[in-house]
């Protein structure tokens, strides 16, 4: 029951802020699978109180402790990586800190099941006791406690698995969205002119005289057709203040993403070059004039 174990060189590289995006997400996928495997092993454990229980439960406890150690190492790498500057990373980090606590509780439940398990021994000399009756009572009481601890460990392993799987998906999703956010859309010259007009002093979206007809206009009076505005919305280039109704009019402003787009040189814009001054040639008559 050795389970998944992060190699020493991988563990060392994970704690470095220079770890790659794939290296940050992969351990949580593997740990999710391992916690799920521990859940299944504990749930399907064939056991009875006594020395035999110690034999079957000890490997599970050691594997659980090692998995928790690996989880902390991977979380350390994530918390010191550039991922922390990615939108959405806080939710993932919070989920993983909860996973550490949950995995630790699973190990504690296994340890408590071992503590509740009676190992056969004898009373002190001179104690008048029926050792067989005592053993029977101890085993009956332990069965109830061990069953409870194993059930709690199963639930904790299941939750730890879900948390690690969620974190792996979240890291991949957040990094993908961040990469997409850096890619600015390509607009045609007319759309760029309209966006420039909005960037100056904003604009207004309002309901016109006809019911259901919505108009958008820049502050300088430039009209914006619905199709162009939908392009701006789809690429997250504009923000609409919906705290007011369309009847009152809603303020439209451009986003930082739009300002980054407008700061780029327009495609096909010719480079501006300085004119070179040319001295006019001397008139031919002056050149042939005698001294």
Protein backbone atom coordinates (compact mmCIF):
# COMPACT_ATOMS: atom_id res chain seq x y z
CA UNK A 1 0.00 0.00 0.00
CA UNK A 2 2.83 2.40 -0.79
CA UNK A 3 0.61 4.69 -2.92
CA UNK A 4 1.78 7.73 -4.81
CA UNK A 5 4.96 9.37 -3.52
CA UNK A 6 6.48 12.54 -4.93
CA UNK A 7 10.11 11.83 -5.89
CA UNK A 8 12.68 13.83 -3.93
CA UNK A 9 13.82 15.84 -6.97
CA UNK A 10 10.23 16.67 -7.89
CA UNK A 11 9.48 17.76 -4.32
CA UNK A 12 12.55 20.00 -4.39
CA UNK A 13 11.58 21.60 -7.70
CA UNK A 14 8.00 22.12 -6.57
CA UNK A 15 9.07 24.34 -3.70
CA UNK A 16 10.84 26.61 -6.20
CA UNK A 17 8.82 29.60 -7.49
CA UNK A 18 10.15 28.75 -10.97
CA UNK A 19 8.07 25.55 -11.15
CA UNK A 20 6.14 25.27 -14.42
CA UNK A 21 2.36 25.58 -14.66
CA UNK A 22 2.02 21.84 -15.36
CA UNK A 23 4.19 21.01 -12.36
CA UNK A 24 1.92 23.08 -10.14
CA UNK A 25 -1.29 21.31 -11.15
CA UNK A 26 -0.11 17.72 -11.64
CA UNK A 27 0.55 16.82 -7.96
CA UNK A 28 -3.01 17.71 -7.00
CA UNK A 29 -4.43 15.43 -9.69
CA UNK A 30 -2.28 12.56 -8.43
CA UNK A 31 -3.14 13.29 -4.79
CA UNK A 32 -6.83 13.43 -5.65
CA UNK A 33 -6.55 9.92 -7.08
CA UNK A 34 -4.58 8.72 -4.08
CA UNK A 35 -7.06 10.06 -1.53
CA UNK A 36 -9.85 8.44 -3.54
CA UNK A 37 -7.93 5.16 -3.42
CA UNK A 38 -7.47 5.49 0.35
CA UNK A 39 -11.20 6.15 0.67
CA UNK A 40 -11.99 2.93 -1.18
CA UNK A 41 -9.42 0.90 0.77
CA UNK A 42 -10.76 2.07 4.13
CA UNK A 43 -14.38 1.60 3.08
CA UNK A 44 -13.68 -1.95 1.90
CA UNK A 45 -11.37 -2.93 4.75
CA UNK A 46 -11.92 -6.44 6.09
CA UNK A 47 -11.18 -6.18 9.78
CA UNK A 48 -11.88 -7.43 13.28
CA UNK A 49 -10.69 -6.08 16.63
CA UNK A 50 -7.38 -7.43 17.84
CA UNK A 51 -3.80 -7.77 16.55
CA UNK A 52 -5.02 -8.37 13.01
CA UNK A 53 -6.55 -4.89 12.82
CA UNK A 54 -3.18 -3.31 13.59
CA UNK A 55 -1.67 -5.22 10.68
CA UNK A 56 -4.21 -3.98 8.11
CA UNK A 57 -4.63 -0.42 9.42
CA UNK A 58 -0.99 0.60 9.92
CA UNK A 59 -0.09 0.74 6.18
CA UNK A 60 -3.16 2.90 5.57
CA UNK A 61 -2.14 5.33 8.31
CA UNK A 62 1.43 5.63 6.99
CA UNK A 63 0.20 6.17 3.41
CA UNK A 64 -2.25 8.81 4.60
CA UNK A 65 0.46 10.66 6.52
CA UNK A 66 2.78 10.57 3.49
CA UNK A 67 0.02 11.84 1.19
CA UNK A 68 -0.65 14.72 3.58
CA UNK A 69 3.07 15.53 3.62
CA UNK A 70 3.10 15.60 -0.20
CA UNK A 71 0.00 17.79 -0.21
CA UNK A 72 1.71 20.34 2.04
CA UNK A 73 4.80 20.32 -0.23
CA UNK A 74 2.68 20.94 -3.34
CA UNK A 75 0.72 23.68 -1.57
CA UNK A 76 3.98 25.34 -0.52
CA UNK A 77 5.07 25.39 -4.15
CA UNK A 78 1.77 26.87 -5.27
CA UNK A 79 1.74 29.57 -2.59
CA UNK A 80 5.20 30.81 -3.65
CA UNK A 81 4.59 30.68 -7.40
CA UNK A 82 3.41 33.36 -9.88
CA UNK A 83 0.00 31.63 -9.77
CA UNK A 84 -0.87 33.69 -6.70
CA UNK A 85 -1.10 36.77 -8.97
CA UNK A 86 -3.68 35.07 -11.22
CA UNK A 87 -7.37 36.01 -10.69
CA UNK A 88 -9.20 33.15 -8.99
CA UNK A 89 -6.13 31.77 -7.23
CA UNK A 90 -7.40 32.69 -3.77
CA UNK A 91 -10.30 30.25 -3.96
CA UNK A 92 -7.96 27.44 -5.00
CA UNK A 93 -5.49 28.19 -2.20
CA UNK A 94 -8.32 28.29 0.36
CA UNK A 95 -9.60 24.95 -0.93
CA UNK A 96 -6.16 23.38 -0.56
CA UNK A 97 -5.61 24.65 2.97
CA UNK A 98 -8.92 23.02 3.81
CA UNK A 99 -7.74 19.84 2.09
CA UNK A 100 -4.67 19.74 4.35
CA UNK A 101 -6.90 19.90 7.41
CA UNK A 102 -9.26 17.27 5.99
CA UNK A 103 -6.42 14.88 5.11
CA UNK A 104 -4.94 15.37 8.57
CA UNK A 105 -8.29 14.52 10.13
CA UNK A 106 -8.40 11.33 8.07
CA UNK A 107 -5.00 10.34 9.46
CA UNK A 108 -6.20 11.21 12.95
CA UNK A 109 -9.29 9.03 12.49
CA UNK A 110 -7.07 6.10 11.47
CA UNK A 111 -4.81 6.71 14.47
CA UNK A 112 -7.83 6.82 16.77
CA UNK A 113 -9.11 3.54 15.32
CA UNK A 114 -5.74 1.99 16.20
CA UNK A 115 -5.94 3.48 19.69
CA UNK A 116 -9.45 2.07 20.13
CA UNK A 117 -8.36 -1.38 19.01
CA UNK A 118 -7.77 -3.76 21.95
CA UNK A 119 -4.54 -5.77 21.82
CA UNK A 120 -4.66 -9.01 23.73
CA UNK A 121 -2.81 -8.98 27.03
CA UNK A 122 -3.22 -10.08 30.61
CA UNK A 123 -4.17 -8.19 33.74
CA UNK A 124 -1.69 -7.61 36.54
CA UNK A 125 -0.86 -10.66 38.62
CA UNK A 126 -3.25 -11.29 41.47
CA UNK A 127 -6.24 -9.61 39.78
CA UNK A 128 -9.20 -11.97 39.99
CA UNK A 129 -10.67 -11.60 36.55
CA UNK A 130 -12.15 -13.68 33.81
CA UNK A 131 -9.74 -12.81 30.98
CA UNK A 132 -12.00 -14.34 28.38
CA UNK A 133 -15.00 -12.26 29.47
CA UNK A 134 -12.88 -9.09 29.60
CA UNK A 135 -11.56 -9.73 26.11
CA UNK A 136 -15.08 -10.26 24.79
CA UNK A 137 -16.37 -6.99 26.30
CA UNK A 138 -13.37 -5.01 25.09
CA UNK A 139 -13.74 -6.31 21.54
CA UNK A 140 -17.47 -5.53 21.49
CA UNK A 141 -16.91 -1.95 22.65
CA UNK A 142 -13.97 -1.46 20.29
CA UNK A 143 -15.95 -2.65 17.29
CA UNK A 144 -18.37 0.26 17.69
CA UNK A 145 -15.60 2.86 18.08
CA UNK A 146 -13.41 1.50 15.28
CA UNK A 147 -16.35 1.42 12.88
CA UNK A 148 -17.11 5.07 13.65
CA UNK A 149 -13.50 6.20 13.14
CA UNK A 150 -13.17 4.29 9.87
CA UNK A 151 -16.39 5.82 8.59
CA UNK A 152 -15.14 9.31 9.44
CA UNK A 153 -11.79 8.57 7.77
CA UNK A 154 -13.62 7.42 4.63
CA UNK A 155 -15.60 10.67 4.50
CA UNK A 156 -12.46 12.78 5.09
CA UNK A 157 -10.53 10.99 2.34
CA UNK A 158 -13.46 11.54 -0.05
CA UNK A 159 -13.51 15.26 0.72
CA UNK A 160 -9.72 15.59 0.40
CA UNK A 161 -9.93 13.90 -3.00
CA UNK A 162 -12.62 16.30 -4.18
CA UNK A 163 -10.66 19.32 -2.93
CA UNK A 164 -7.45 18.27 -4.70
CA UNK A 165 -9.32 17.52 -7.91
CA UNK A 166 -11.07 20.87 -7.76
CA UNK A 167 -7.74 22.61 -7.17
CA UNK A 168 -6.08 20.90 -10.15
CA UNK A 169 -8.95 21.92 -12.44
CA UNK A 170 -8.99 25.42 -10.96
CA UNK A 171 -5.27 25.95 -11.55
CA UNK A 172 -5.56 24.84 -15.17
CA UNK A 173 -8.67 26.95 -15.76
CA UNK A 174 -7.28 30.08 -14.08
CA UNK A 175 -3.99 29.92 -15.98
CA UNK A 176 -5.83 29.39 -19.27
CA UNK A 177 -8.13 32.35 -18.64
CA UNK A 178 -5.19 34.52 -17.64
CA UNK A 179 -3.43 33.61 -20.88
CA UNK A 180 -6.56 34.42 -22.87
CA UNK A 181 -6.90 37.74 -21.06
CA UNK A 182 -3.47 38.75 -22.30
CA UNK A 183 -4.51 38.10 -25.90
CA UNK A 184 -6.21 41.24 -27.16
CA UNK A 185 -8.81 41.02 -29.94
CA UNK A 186 -8.30 42.37 -33.44
CA UNK A 187 -10.74 45.14 -34.32
CA UNK A 188 -11.30 46.76 -37.70
CA UNK A 189 -10.52 50.47 -38.14
CA UNK A 190 -14.15 51.52 -37.67
CA UNK A 191 -14.44 49.58 -34.41
CA UNK A 192 -11.17 51.09 -33.19
CA UNK A 193 -12.44 54.59 -33.94
CA UNK A 194 -15.64 53.87 -32.01
CA UNK A 195 -13.75 52.44 -29.06
CA UNK A 196 -11.45 55.48 -29.08
CA UNK A 197 -14.49 57.77 -28.89
CA UNK A 198 -15.79 55.79 -25.90
CA UNK A 199 -12.39 55.91 -24.22
CA UNK A 200 -12.31 59.72 -24.24
CA UNK A 201 -15.30 60.52 -22.02
CA UNK A 202 -17.31 57.33 -21.90
CA UNK A 203 -20.80 56.93 -23.27
CA UNK A 204 -24.39 56.13 -22.48
CA UNK A 205 -26.75 53.26 -23.19
CA UNK A 206 -30.43 54.08 -23.00
CA UNK A 207 -33.89 53.09 -24.16
CA UNK A 208 -35.12 55.16 -27.05
CA UNK A 209 -38.68 56.33 -27.65
CA UNK A 210 -39.72 53.01 -29.12
CA UNK A 211 -40.21 50.33 -26.49
CA UNK A 212 -37.42 47.79 -26.57
CA UNK A 213 -35.13 49.85 -28.81
CA UNK A 214 -31.79 50.46 -27.13
CA UNK A 215 -29.30 53.05 -28.31
CA UNK A 216 -25.64 53.50 -27.41
CA UNK A 217 -23.86 56.78 -27.86
CA UNK A 218 -20.42 58.10 -26.98
CA UNK A 219 -20.16 61.33 -24.99
CA UNK A 220 -19.05 63.21 -28.10
CA UNK A 221 -22.23 62.19 -29.90
CA UNK A 222 -20.77 59.28 -31.87
CA UNK A 223 -23.46 56.68 -32.40
CA UNK A 224 -22.55 53.05 -31.77
CA UNK A 225 -24.46 50.31 -33.55
CA UNK A 226 -25.58 47.25 -31.63
CA UNK A 227 -23.34 44.82 -33.52
CA UNK A 228 -20.20 46.81 -32.73
CA UNK A 229 -21.19 47.13 -29.08
CA UNK A 230 -21.76 43.38 -28.84
CA UNK A 231 -18.19 42.87 -30.07
CA UNK A 232 -16.97 45.18 -27.31
CA UNK A 233 -18.98 43.27 -24.70
CA UNK A 234 -17.85 39.85 -25.93
CA UNK A 235 -14.20 40.85 -25.66
CA UNK A 236 -14.68 42.56 -22.27
CA UNK A 237 -13.73 45.99 -23.62
CA UNK A 238 -16.59 47.93 -22.01
CA UNK A 239 -18.25 48.14 -18.61
CA UNK A 240 -21.92 49.04 -18.19
CA UNK A 241 -23.17 50.60 -14.97
CA UNK A 242 -26.38 48.66 -14.41
CA UNK A 243 -27.18 50.42 -11.13
CA UNK A 244 -29.53 52.63 -13.15
CA UNK A 245 -32.27 51.60 -15.54
CA UNK A 246 -32.13 51.83 -19.31
CA UNK A 247 -34.89 54.42 -19.09
CA UNK A 248 -32.64 56.65 -16.97
CA UNK A 249 -29.61 55.75 -19.02
CA UNK A 250 -26.63 53.58 -18.13
CA UNK A 251 -23.07 54.87 -18.13
CA UNK A 252 -20.64 53.03 -20.41
CA UNK A 253 -16.89 53.12 -19.81
CA UNK A 254 -13.99 51.23 -21.35
CA UNK A 255 -11.99 48.65 -19.39
CA UNK A 256 -8.25 48.51 -18.80
CA UNK A 257 -8.20 45.76 -21.40
CA UNK A 258 -9.60 48.23 -23.96
CA UNK A 259 -7.03 50.86 -23.01
CA UNK A 260 -4.23 48.34 -23.53
CA UNK A 261 -5.67 47.57 -26.94
CA UNK A 262 -5.88 51.24 -27.90
CA UNK A 263 -2.32 51.82 -26.70
CA UNK A 264 -1.03 49.44 -29.36
CA UNK A 265 -0.01 50.84 -32.75
CA UNK A 266 -2.72 50.30 -35.32
CA UNK A 267 -1.95 47.71 -37.99
CA UNK A 268 -0.94 49.26 -41.30
CA UNK A 269 -0.04 52.62 -39.76
CA UNK A 270 2.90 53.97 -41.78
CA UNK A 271 5.97 54.93 -39.83
CA UNK A 272 6.43 58.70 -39.60
CA UNK A 273 9.82 59.69 -41.02
CA UNK A 274 11.54 63.04 -40.83
CA UNK A 275 11.82 64.92 -44.13
CA UNK A 276 15.42 65.41 -45.24
CA UNK A 277 16.34 68.98 -46.18
CA UNK A 278 17.85 69.19 -49.68
CA UNK A 279 19.97 72.21 -50.66
CA UNK A 280 18.76 73.52 -54.03
CA UNK A 281 21.30 73.33 -56.87
CA UNK A 282 22.92 76.60 -57.99
CA UNK A 283 21.48 78.12 -61.21
CA UNK A 284 23.46 77.26 -64.32
CA UNK A 285 23.90 80.95 -65.25
CA UNK A 286 25.47 81.72 -61.89
CA UNK A 287 27.80 78.74 -62.21
CA UNK A 288 29.18 80.00 -65.57
CA UNK A 289 29.53 83.69 -64.55
CA UNK A 290 33.10 85.01 -64.86
CA UNK A 291 35.20 86.15 -61.96
